[in-house]
Amino acid sequence: MKKIILIGNVACGKTTICQYLNHMEIKYKKTQALEVYNTTIDTPGEYLENRGYLRSLMVTATETDQVVFVQDASRDQFFFSPGQSSAFTLPVAGVVTKIDIATPKQIADAVELLQLAGADPIFKVSPMTGEGMEELAAFLEEKEAAAED
């Protein structure tokens, strides 16, 4: 799998995605600092929510192959700015989480907001049910194979 950094607000599902992708037990854990699991960097949501930490995310991302913006569809808060992906020199994908508990409108709104932030492609997932996770994992594997060519 490519080296990725997961960026999103507090409790949006970054750690759960990390656990799923790394075949770990899925259990709640508050991320207090940058944590590395194999090729995945899990970041505290406060790094996105407090703009003073945004530089830390940008610097850390330089050590990865793929930036992943994570948005909780079940919440009405959105912390990514329009065009925010341009702050990174790497490709930025988007992941809409918690689709198992969000309404279709909330999911559509989250997709639209990630598109405005510049994320492409965008995946809709629920690590708790596994929905959409195979597609996300395949994308991350596919990107690695393409980079090796």
N, C-alpha and C. Protein backbone atom coordinates (compact mmCIF):
# COMPACT_ATOMS: atom_id res chain seq x y z
N MET A 1 0.84 -1.18 0.00
CA MET A 1 0.00 0.00 0.00
C MET A 1 0.88 1.24 0.00
N LYS A 2 0.39 2.29 -0.64
CA LYS A 2 1.12 3.55 -0.66
C LYS A 2 1.23 4.10 0.75
N LYS A 3 2.23 4.95 0.94
CA LYS A 3 2.33 5.69 2.19
C LYS A 3 1.27 6.78 2.13
N ILE A 4 0.37 6.79 3.12
CA ILE A 4 -0.71 7.77 3.12
C ILE A 4 -0.76 8.54 4.43
N ILE A 5 -1.32 9.72 4.38
CA ILE A 5 -1.61 10.50 5.57
C ILE A 5 -3.11 10.78 5.57
N LEU A 6 -3.75 10.47 6.68
CA LEU A 6 -5.18 10.69 6.85
C LEU A 6 -5.39 12.01 7.59
N ILE A 7 -6.14 12.92 6.98
CA ILE A 7 -6.38 14.24 7.55
C ILE A 7 -7.88 14.48 7.64
N GLY A 8 -8.33 14.86 8.81
CA GLY A 8 -9.74 15.15 9.02
C GLY A 8 -9.96 15.66 10.44
N ASN A 9 -11.18 16.08 10.72
CA ASN A 9 -11.46 16.64 12.04
C ASN A 9 -11.57 15.54 13.10
N VAL A 10 -11.72 15.94 14.34
CA VAL A 10 -11.84 15.02 15.46
C VAL A 10 -13.03 14.09 15.24
N ALA A 11 -12.83 12.81 15.49
CA ALA A 11 -13.87 11.78 15.47
C ALA A 11 -14.51 11.56 14.10
N CYS A 12 -13.79 11.86 13.03
CA CYS A 12 -14.37 11.66 11.69
C CYS A 12 -14.14 10.24 11.17
N GLY A 13 -13.28 9.45 11.83
CA GLY A 13 -13.07 8.07 11.43
C GLY A 13 -11.69 7.75 10.89
N LYS A 14 -10.73 8.67 11.05
CA LYS A 14 -9.38 8.42 10.54
C LYS A 14 -8.75 7.18 11.16
N THR A 15 -8.82 7.07 12.47
CA THR A 15 -8.20 5.93 13.16
C THR A 15 -8.88 4.63 12.77
N THR A 16 -10.19 4.64 12.62
CA THR A 16 -10.91 3.43 12.22
C THR A 16 -10.50 3.01 10.82
N ILE A 17 -10.35 3.96 9.90
CA ILE A 17 -9.85 3.64 8.55
C ILE A 17 -8.45 3.05 8.64
N CYS A 18 -7.61 3.67 9.44
CA CYS A 18 -6.24 3.18 9.64
C CYS A 18 -6.25 1.74 10.15
N GLN A 19 -7.08 1.48 11.16
CA GLN A 19 -7.16 0.13 11.72
C GLN A 19 -7.64 -0.87 10.67
N TYR A 20 -8.65 -0.49 9.89
CA TYR A 20 -9.18 -1.39 8.86
C TYR A 20 -8.12 -1.69 7.81
N LEU A 21 -7.47 -0.66 7.29
CA LEU A 21 -6.47 -0.85 6.22
C LEU A 21 -5.27 -1.66 6.69
N ASN A 22 -4.98 -1.61 7.98
CA ASN A 22 -3.82 -2.32 8.52
C ASN A 22 -4.21 -3.62 9.22
N HIS A 23 -5.44 -4.09 8.97
CA HIS A 23 -5.93 -5.37 9.49
C HIS A 23 -5.80 -5.46 11.00
N MET A 24 -6.15 -4.37 11.67
CA MET A 24 -6.11 -4.31 13.13
C MET A 24 -7.54 -4.44 13.66
N GLU A 25 -7.64 -4.75 14.94
CA GLU A 25 -8.95 -4.76 15.58
C GLU A 25 -9.52 -3.35 15.55
N ILE A 26 -10.79 -3.23 15.18
CA ILE A 26 -11.43 -1.92 15.13
C ILE A 26 -11.94 -1.59 16.54
N LYS A 27 -11.33 -0.59 17.13
CA LYS A 27 -11.77 -0.15 18.45
C LYS A 27 -11.47 1.33 18.58
N TYR A 28 -12.30 2.02 19.34
CA TYR A 28 -12.14 3.46 19.49
C TYR A 28 -10.84 3.77 20.21
N LYS A 29 -10.13 4.75 19.68
CA LYS A 29 -8.90 5.22 20.30
C LYS A 29 -8.73 6.67 19.89
N LYS A 30 -8.58 7.54 20.86
CA LYS A 30 -8.35 8.96 20.58
C LYS A 30 -6.89 9.15 20.21
N THR A 31 -6.65 9.68 19.02
CA THR A 31 -5.29 9.93 18.55
C THR A 31 -4.79 11.23 19.17
N GLN A 32 -3.71 11.15 19.93
CA GLN A 32 -3.18 12.31 20.64
C GLN A 32 -2.02 12.98 19.91
N ALA A 33 -1.35 12.22 19.05
CA ALA A 33 -0.19 12.73 18.31
C ALA A 33 -0.14 12.00 16.97
N LEU A 34 0.74 12.42 16.08
CA LEU A 34 0.91 11.69 14.83
C LEU A 34 1.29 10.25 15.16
N GLU A 35 0.60 9.30 14.54
CA GLU A 35 0.90 7.89 14.78
C GLU A 35 1.07 7.19 13.43
N VAL A 36 2.07 6.33 13.35
CA VAL A 36 2.37 5.62 12.11
C VAL A 36 2.09 4.13 12.30
N TYR A 37 1.27 3.60 11.40
CA TYR A 37 0.97 2.17 11.37
C TYR A 37 1.35 1.68 9.98
N ASN A 38 2.43 0.93 9.89
CA ASN A 38 2.94 0.45 8.61
C ASN A 38 3.16 1.64 7.67
N THR A 39 2.33 1.78 6.65
CA THR A 39 2.51 2.88 5.69
C THR A 39 1.42 3.95 5.84
N THR A 40 0.73 3.96 6.98
CA THR A 40 -0.37 4.89 7.20
C THR A 40 -0.05 5.83 8.35
N ILE A 41 -0.20 7.13 8.11
CA ILE A 41 -0.02 8.12 9.17
C ILE A 41 -1.40 8.60 9.60
N ASP A 42 -1.70 8.39 10.87
CA ASP A 42 -2.97 8.83 11.48
C ASP A 42 -2.68 10.13 12.21
N THR A 43 -3.49 11.15 11.95
CA THR A 43 -3.24 12.47 12.54
C THR A 43 -4.36 12.85 13.50
N PRO A 44 -4.05 13.61 14.54
CA PRO A 44 -5.10 14.10 15.43
C PRO A 44 -5.99 15.09 14.69
N GLY A 45 -7.28 15.04 14.92
CA GLY A 45 -8.21 15.96 14.28
C GLY A 45 -7.92 17.41 14.61
N GLU A 46 -7.34 17.65 15.76
CA GLU A 46 -7.01 19.02 16.16
C GLU A 46 -6.04 19.69 15.20
N TYR A 47 -5.25 18.88 14.48
CA TYR A 47 -4.30 19.45 13.52
C TYR A 47 -5.02 20.14 12.36
N LEU A 48 -6.20 19.66 12.01
CA LEU A 48 -6.99 20.30 10.96
C LEU A 48 -7.85 21.42 11.56
N GLU A 49 -8.38 21.18 12.73
CA GLU A 49 -9.30 22.13 13.35
C GLU A 49 -8.61 23.42 13.82
N ASN A 50 -7.34 23.34 14.15
CA ASN A 50 -6.58 24.51 14.60
C ASN A 50 -5.58 24.86 13.50
N ARG A 51 -5.87 25.90 12.77
CA ARG A 51 -5.09 26.26 11.58
C ARG A 51 -3.59 26.44 11.86
N GLY A 52 -3.22 26.70 13.10
CA GLY A 52 -1.81 26.83 13.44
C GLY A 52 -1.03 25.54 13.24
N TYR A 53 -1.73 24.41 13.25
CA TYR A 53 -1.08 23.11 13.07
C TYR A 53 -1.06 22.65 11.61
N LEU A 54 -1.70 23.41 10.73
CA LEU A 54 -1.81 22.98 9.34
C LEU A 54 -0.44 22.77 8.69
N ARG A 55 0.51 23.60 9.05
CA ARG A 55 1.87 23.42 8.49
C ARG A 55 2.46 22.07 8.87
N SER A 56 2.16 21.61 10.07
CA SER A 56 2.66 20.30 10.50
C SER A 56 2.13 19.20 9.58
N LEU A 57 0.87 19.31 9.18
CA LEU A 57 0.30 18.32 8.26
C LEU A 57 0.98 18.39 6.91
N MET A 58 1.23 19.61 6.44
CA MET A 58 1.86 19.78 5.14
C MET A 58 3.28 19.22 5.14
N VAL A 59 4.02 19.47 6.20
CA VAL A 59 5.39 18.95 6.29
C VAL A 59 5.39 17.43 6.40
N THR A 60 4.52 16.89 7.24
CA THR A 60 4.45 15.44 7.40
C THR A 60 4.04 14.76 6.10
N ALA A 61 3.15 15.38 5.35
CA ALA A 61 2.68 14.80 4.10
C ALA A 61 3.79 14.61 3.09
N THR A 62 4.86 15.39 3.18
CA THR A 62 5.95 15.25 2.21
C THR A 62 6.62 13.88 2.29
N GLU A 63 6.40 13.18 3.39
CA GLU A 63 6.98 11.84 3.56
C GLU A 63 6.03 10.74 3.06
N THR A 64 4.94 11.13 2.40
CA THR A 64 3.96 10.15 1.94
C THR A 64 3.81 10.20 0.42
N ASP A 65 2.97 9.31 -0.09
CA ASP A 65 2.68 9.27 -1.52
C ASP A 65 1.28 9.79 -1.83
N GLN A 66 0.41 9.81 -0.82
CA GLN A 66 -0.99 10.14 -1.04
C GLN A 66 -1.56 10.82 0.20
N VAL A 67 -2.22 11.95 0.00
CA VAL A 67 -2.95 12.62 1.07
C VAL A 67 -4.41 12.17 0.97
N VAL A 68 -5.03 11.91 2.12
CA VAL A 68 -6.43 11.49 2.14
C VAL A 68 -7.19 12.41 3.09
N PHE A 69 -8.09 13.22 2.52
CA PHE A 69 -8.99 14.06 3.31
C PHE A 69 -10.17 13.18 3.74
N VAL A 70 -10.48 13.20 5.03
CA VAL A 70 -11.56 12.38 5.58
C VAL A 70 -12.66 13.28 6.13
N GLN A 71 -13.90 13.03 5.68
CA GLN A 71 -15.05 13.82 6.11
C GLN A 71 -16.14 12.90 6.66
N ASP A 72 -16.58 13.17 7.87
CA ASP A 72 -17.68 12.45 8.49
C ASP A 72 -19.00 12.96 7.89
N ALA A 73 -19.70 12.10 7.17
CA ALA A 73 -20.96 12.52 6.53
C ALA A 73 -22.06 12.79 7.53
N SER A 74 -21.96 12.24 8.73
CA SER A 74 -23.04 12.39 9.70
C SER A 74 -22.97 13.71 10.47
N ARG A 75 -21.92 14.47 10.24
CA ARG A 75 -21.76 15.76 10.93
C ARG A 75 -21.89 16.90 9.93
N ASP A 76 -22.39 18.01 10.41
CA ASP A 76 -22.57 19.18 9.55
C ASP A 76 -21.38 20.14 9.59
N GLN A 77 -20.32 19.76 10.28
CA GLN A 77 -19.13 20.60 10.32
C GLN A 77 -18.18 20.19 9.19
N PHE A 78 -17.55 21.20 8.60
CA PHE A 78 -16.62 20.94 7.52
C PHE A 78 -15.41 21.85 7.71
N PHE A 79 -14.22 21.27 7.79
CA PHE A 79 -13.02 22.04 8.11
C PHE A 79 -12.08 22.26 6.94
N PHE A 80 -12.35 21.63 5.80
CA PHE A 80 -11.50 21.82 4.64
C PHE A 80 -11.94 23.07 3.89
N SER A 81 -10.97 23.87 3.45
CA SER A 81 -11.25 25.08 2.69
C SER A 81 -11.39 24.74 1.21
N PRO A 82 -12.12 25.54 0.44
CA PRO A 82 -12.15 25.33 -1.00
C PRO A 82 -10.73 25.38 -1.57
N GLY A 83 -10.39 24.39 -2.37
CA GLY A 83 -9.07 24.34 -2.98
C GLY A 83 -7.94 23.96 -2.04
N GLN A 84 -8.26 23.47 -0.85
CA GLN A 84 -7.21 23.16 0.13
C GLN A 84 -6.22 22.11 -0.35
N SER A 85 -6.63 21.26 -1.26
CA SER A 85 -5.71 20.24 -1.77
C SER A 85 -4.49 20.86 -2.44
N SER A 86 -4.62 22.08 -2.95
CA SER A 86 -3.50 22.73 -3.63
C SER A 86 -2.37 23.09 -2.67
N ALA A 87 -2.61 23.02 -1.37
CA ALA A 87 -1.55 23.27 -0.38
C ALA A 87 -0.57 22.10 -0.32
N PHE A 88 -0.94 20.97 -0.92
CA PHE A 88 -0.10 19.78 -0.88
C PHE A 88 0.48 19.53 -2.28
N THR A 89 1.69 19.04 -2.33
CA THR A 89 2.34 18.75 -3.61
C THR A 89 2.08 17.32 -4.06
N LEU A 90 1.17 16.65 -3.40
CA LEU A 90 0.85 15.25 -3.67
C LEU A 90 -0.61 15.12 -4.10
N PRO A 91 -0.97 13.98 -4.69
CA PRO A 91 -2.38 13.78 -4.99
C PRO A 91 -3.20 13.69 -3.71
N VAL A 92 -4.42 14.22 -3.76
CA VAL A 92 -5.32 14.22 -2.60
C VAL A 92 -6.61 13.50 -2.98
N ALA A 93 -6.88 12.42 -2.26
CA ALA A 93 -8.14 11.70 -2.42
C ALA A 93 -9.06 12.11 -1.27
N GLY A 94 -10.32 11.84 -1.42
CA GLY A 94 -11.28 12.13 -0.36
C GLY A 94 -12.00 10.87 0.08
N VAL A 95 -12.34 10.82 1.36
CA VAL A 95 -13.10 9.70 1.90
C VAL A 95 -14.23 10.25 2.74
N VAL A 96 -15.44 9.87 2.39
CA VAL A 96 -16.63 10.21 3.18
C VAL A 96 -16.90 9.02 4.07
N THR A 97 -16.88 9.23 5.38
CA THR A 97 -17.06 8.15 6.34
C THR A 97 -18.45 8.17 6.96
N LYS A 98 -18.73 7.10 7.66
CA LYS A 98 -19.97 6.93 8.43
C LYS A 98 -21.21 6.95 7.54
N ILE A 99 -21.06 6.39 6.33
CA ILE A 99 -22.20 6.35 5.41
C ILE A 99 -23.30 5.43 5.92
N ASP A 100 -22.96 4.56 6.87
CA ASP A 100 -23.96 3.66 7.44
C ASP A 100 -24.93 4.37 8.38
N ILE A 101 -24.57 5.58 8.86
CA ILE A 101 -25.45 6.30 9.78
C ILE A 101 -25.87 7.67 9.24
N ALA A 102 -25.38 8.03 8.07
CA ALA A 102 -25.72 9.33 7.47
C ALA A 102 -26.88 9.19 6.49
N THR A 103 -27.56 10.30 6.24
CA THR A 103 -28.63 10.31 5.25
C THR A 103 -28.02 10.45 3.86
N PRO A 104 -28.76 10.10 2.82
CA PRO A 104 -28.26 10.30 1.45
C PRO A 104 -27.88 11.76 1.18
N LYS A 105 -28.65 12.70 1.70
CA LYS A 105 -28.32 14.12 1.51
C LYS A 105 -27.01 14.47 2.21
N GLN A 106 -26.80 13.99 3.43
CA GLN A 106 -25.55 14.26 4.14
C GLN A 106 -24.36 13.70 3.37
N ILE A 107 -24.52 12.52 2.82
CA ILE A 107 -23.44 11.90 2.04
C ILE A 107 -23.15 12.73 0.80
N ALA A 108 -24.19 13.14 0.09
CA ALA A 108 -24.03 13.96 -1.12
C ALA A 108 -23.36 15.30 -0.78
N ASP A 109 -23.75 15.91 0.33
CA ASP A 109 -23.14 17.18 0.76
C ASP A 109 -21.66 16.99 1.07
N ALA A 110 -21.32 15.89 1.76
CA ALA A 110 -19.92 15.63 2.10
C ALA A 110 -19.08 15.42 0.84
N VAL A 111 -19.63 14.70 -0.13
CA VAL A 111 -18.92 14.49 -1.40
C VAL A 111 -18.68 15.84 -2.08
N GLU A 112 -19.72 16.66 -2.14
CA GLU A 112 -19.60 17.97 -2.79
C GLU A 112 -18.55 18.84 -2.11
N LEU A 113 -18.54 18.84 -0.80
CA LEU A 113 -17.57 19.66 -0.07
C LEU A 113 -16.14 19.16 -0.27
N LEU A 114 -15.95 17.84 -0.32
CA LEU A 114 -14.61 17.31 -0.60
C LEU A 114 -14.19 17.65 -2.02
N GLN A 115 -15.12 17.64 -2.96
CA GLN A 115 -14.80 18.04 -4.33
C GLN A 115 -14.35 19.50 -4.36
N LEU A 116 -15.06 20.36 -3.62
CA LEU A 116 -14.67 21.78 -3.55
C LEU A 116 -13.28 21.94 -2.95
N ALA A 117 -12.92 21.07 -2.03
CA ALA A 117 -11.59 21.12 -1.42
C ALA A 117 -10.52 20.62 -2.39
N GLY A 118 -10.94 19.98 -3.49
CA GLY A 118 -10.00 19.52 -4.50
C GLY A 118 -9.65 18.05 -4.42
N ALA A 119 -10.35 17.28 -3.61
CA ALA A 119 -10.07 15.85 -3.48
C ALA A 119 -10.63 15.10 -4.69
N ASP A 120 -9.83 14.18 -5.21
CA ASP A 120 -10.25 13.37 -6.35
C ASP A 120 -9.32 12.17 -6.47
N PRO A 121 -9.85 10.97 -6.46
CA PRO A 121 -11.24 10.57 -6.39
C PRO A 121 -11.78 10.64 -4.96
N ILE A 122 -13.07 10.39 -4.82
CA ILE A 122 -13.72 10.40 -3.51
C ILE A 122 -14.39 9.05 -3.30
N PHE A 123 -14.16 8.47 -2.13
CA PHE A 123 -14.73 7.18 -1.77
C PHE A 123 -15.73 7.38 -0.64
N LYS A 124 -16.81 6.61 -0.68
CA LYS A 124 -17.82 6.63 0.38
C LYS A 124 -17.70 5.31 1.13
N VAL A 125 -17.41 5.38 2.43
CA VAL A 125 -17.08 4.16 3.17
C VAL A 125 -17.72 4.11 4.56
N SER A 126 -17.75 2.89 5.07
CA SER A 126 -18.05 2.63 6.47
C SER A 126 -17.12 1.51 6.92
N PRO A 127 -16.03 1.85 7.61
CA PRO A 127 -15.14 0.80 8.10
C PRO A 127 -15.84 -0.15 9.09
N MET A 128 -16.89 0.33 9.73
CA MET A 128 -17.61 -0.51 10.69
C MET A 128 -18.36 -1.64 9.99
N THR A 129 -18.92 -1.36 8.81
CA THR A 129 -19.63 -2.41 8.05
C THR A 129 -18.77 -2.97 6.92
N GLY A 130 -17.70 -2.26 6.58
CA GLY A 130 -16.83 -2.67 5.48
C GLY A 130 -17.25 -2.10 4.13
N GLU A 131 -18.42 -1.46 4.08
CA GLU A 131 -18.91 -0.91 2.81
C GLU A 131 -17.93 0.11 2.24
N GLY A 132 -17.56 -0.08 0.99
CA GLY A 132 -16.67 0.84 0.29
C GLY A 132 -15.19 0.69 0.61
N MET A 133 -14.85 -0.08 1.62
CA MET A 133 -13.46 -0.19 2.04
C MET A 133 -12.60 -0.97 1.05
N GLU A 134 -13.17 -1.97 0.41
CA GLU A 134 -12.39 -2.73 -0.57
C GLU A 134 -11.99 -1.83 -1.73
N GLU A 135 -12.89 -0.96 -2.16
CA GLU A 135 -12.59 -0.04 -3.25
C GLU A 135 -11.47 0.93 -2.85
N LEU A 136 -11.54 1.43 -1.62
CA LEU A 136 -10.49 2.33 -1.14
C LEU A 136 -9.15 1.60 -1.09
N ALA A 137 -9.14 0.41 -0.50
CA ALA A 137 -7.90 -0.37 -0.41
C ALA A 137 -7.35 -0.69 -1.80
N ALA A 138 -8.22 -1.05 -2.73
CA ALA A 138 -7.78 -1.36 -4.10
C ALA A 138 -7.18 -0.13 -4.75
N PHE A 139 -7.78 1.04 -4.53
CA PHE A 139 -7.23 2.29 -5.07
C PHE A 139 -5.82 2.53 -4.53
N LEU A 140 -5.64 2.32 -3.26
CA LEU A 140 -4.32 2.55 -2.66
C LEU A 140 -3.29 1.55 -3.17
N GLU A 141 -3.69 0.32 -3.39
CA GLU A 141 -2.80 -0.69 -3.97
C GLU A 141 -2.51 -0.36 -5.43
N GLU A 142 -3.55 0.04 -6.17
CA GLU A 142 -3.44 0.37 -7.58
C GLU A 142 -2.45 1.51 -7.79
N LYS A 143 -2.53 2.50 -6.94
CA LYS A 143 -1.63 3.64 -7.06
C LYS A 143 -0.18 3.20 -6.90
N GLU A 144 0.05 2.25 -6.00
CA GLU A 144 1.42 1.75 -5.80
C GLU A 144 1.91 1.04 -7.06
N ALA A 145 1.06 0.22 -7.63
CA ALA A 145 1.46 -0.52 -8.84
C ALA A 145 1.76 0.46 -9.97
N ALA A 146 0.96 1.52 -10.09
CA ALA A 146 1.20 2.52 -11.13
C ALA A 146 2.50 3.25 -10.91
N ALA A 147 2.86 3.52 -9.65
CA ALA A 147 4.08 4.24 -9.34
C ALA A 147 5.32 3.41 -9.66
N GLU A 148 5.18 2.08 -9.62
CA GLU A 148 6.32 1.20 -9.87
C GLU A 148 6.61 1.06 -11.36
N ASP A 149 5.65 1.38 -12.21
CA ASP A 149 5.85 1.24 -13.68
C ASP A 149 6.86 2.24 -14.20
